C-alpha atoms as a PDB file:
ATOM      1  CA  MET A   1      40.558 134.578   8.108  1.00  0.00           C
ATOM      2  CA  LYS A   2      39.751 134.178   4.683  1.00  0.00           C
ATOM      3  CA  LEU A   3      38.419 130.655   3.384  1.00  0.00           C
ATOM      4  CA  GLY A   4      38.108 129.497   0.023  1.00  0.00           C
ATOM      5  CA  ALA A   5      35.000 127.704  -1.425  1.00  0.00           C
ATOM      6  CA  ARG A   6      34.605 125.117  -4.399  1.00  0.00           C
ATOM      7  CA  ASP A   7      35.725 126.604  -7.511  1.00  0.00           C
ATOM      8  CA  HIS A   8      37.182 129.743  -5.894  1.00  0.00           C
ATOM      9  CA  PRO A   9      40.338 129.219  -4.339  1.00  0.00           C
ATOM     10  CA  LEU A  10      42.133 132.004  -2.757  1.00  0.00           C
ATOM     11  CA  GLY A  11      44.498 134.040  -4.157  1.00  0.00           C
ATOM     12  CA  ILE A  12      48.149 134.982  -3.182  1.00  0.00           C
ATOM     13  CA  ILE A  13      47.249 137.921  -0.961  1.00  0.00           C
ATOM     14  CA  ASP A  14      44.719 135.876   0.632  1.00  0.00           C
ATOM     15  CA  LYS A  15      47.108 132.979   1.636  1.00  0.00           C
ATOM     16  CA  LEU A  16      49.540 135.789   2.634  1.00  0.00           C
ATOM     17  CA  ARG A  17      47.328 137.408   4.817  1.00  0.00           C
ATOM     18  CA  ASN A  18      46.121 133.600   6.379  1.00  0.00           C
ATOM     19  CA  LEU A  19      49.761 132.744   6.858  1.00  0.00           C
ATOM     20  CA  ARG A  20      50.371 136.009   9.122  1.00  0.00           C
ATOM     21  CA  ILE A  21      47.070 135.837  10.914  1.00  0.00           C
ATOM     22  CA  SER A  22      48.081 132.081  11.481  1.00  0.00           C
ATOM     23  CA  LYS A  23      51.648 132.832  13.138  1.00  0.00           C
ATOM     24  CA  LYS A  24      49.903 135.437  15.780  1.00  0.00           C
ATOM     25  CA  ARG A  25      47.094 132.504  16.696  1.00  0.00           C
ATOM     26  CA  ALA A  26      49.043 129.332  16.766  1.00  0.00           C
ATOM     27  CA  PRO A  27      50.895 130.281  20.117  1.00  0.00           C
ATOM     28  CA  VAL A  28      48.227 131.444  21.887  1.00  0.00           C
ATOM     29  CA  GLU A  29      45.715 128.733  20.703  1.00  0.00           C
ATOM     30  CA  ARG A  30      48.559 126.046  22.345  1.00  0.00           C
ATOM     31  CA  HIS A  31      48.504 128.250  26.109  1.00  0.00           C
ATOM     32  CA  TYR A  32      44.365 127.937  25.790  1.00  0.00           C
ATOM     33  CA  ALA A  33      44.401 124.048  24.679  1.00  0.00           C
ATOM     34  CA  ALA A  34      46.548 123.644  28.084  1.00  0.00           C
ATOM     35  CA  ILE A  35      44.235 125.570  30.131  1.00  0.00           C
ATOM     36  CA  LYS A  36      41.605 123.729  29.103  1.00  0.00           C
ATOM     37  CA  ARG A  37      43.258 120.201  29.275  1.00  0.00           C
ATOM     38  CA  VAL A  38      44.579 120.880  33.012  1.00  0.00           C
ATOM     39  CA  PHE A  39      41.742 122.663  34.195  1.00  0.00           C
ATOM     40  CA  LYS A  40      38.961 121.291  32.439  1.00  0.00           C
ATOM     41  CA  VAL A  41      37.401 124.798  31.824  1.00  0.00           C
ATOM     42  CA  LYS A  42      35.241 125.941  28.582  1.00  0.00           C
ATOM     43  CA  LEU A  43      37.027 129.179  27.498  1.00  0.00           C
ATOM     44  CA  GLN A  44      35.616 131.495  24.596  1.00  0.00           C
ATOM     45  CA  TYR A  45      38.459 132.813  22.449  1.00  0.00           C
ATOM     46  CA  PRO A  46      38.641 136.751  22.369  1.00  0.00           C
ATOM     47  CA  TYR A  47      38.636 136.400  18.449  1.00  0.00           C
ATOM     48  CA  SER A  48      35.723 134.127  18.389  1.00  0.00           C
ATOM     49  CA  HIS A  49      32.045 135.486  16.417  1.00  0.00           C
ATOM     50  CA  SER A  50      30.097 133.012  17.669  1.00  0.00           C
ATOM     51  CA  GLY A  51      27.638 134.938  18.599  1.00  0.00           C
ATOM     52  CA  SER A  52      27.827 133.400  22.031  1.00  0.00           C
ATOM     53  CA  LEU A  53      26.640 137.344  23.568  1.00  0.00           C
ATOM     54  CA  GLN A  54      23.581 137.917  21.733  1.00  0.00           C
ATOM     55  CA  GLY A  55      20.454 137.247  23.168  1.00  0.00           C
ATOM     56  CA  ARG A  56      21.510 138.230  26.636  1.00  0.00           C
ATOM     57  CA  ALA A  57      19.869 140.802  28.740  1.00  0.00           C
END
């Protein structure tokens, strides 16, 4: 997803791209939220780029 910055708003193409991504992502995130709530586990999302795999041997 693209993000706007201060004094640099998103263009219409970027907004449409974000809308398309969010339509696919929202239903999946609901299932992850339910799993986390019921089983009280921490899951990493498949599209997460937090760098959690960096630095592991």
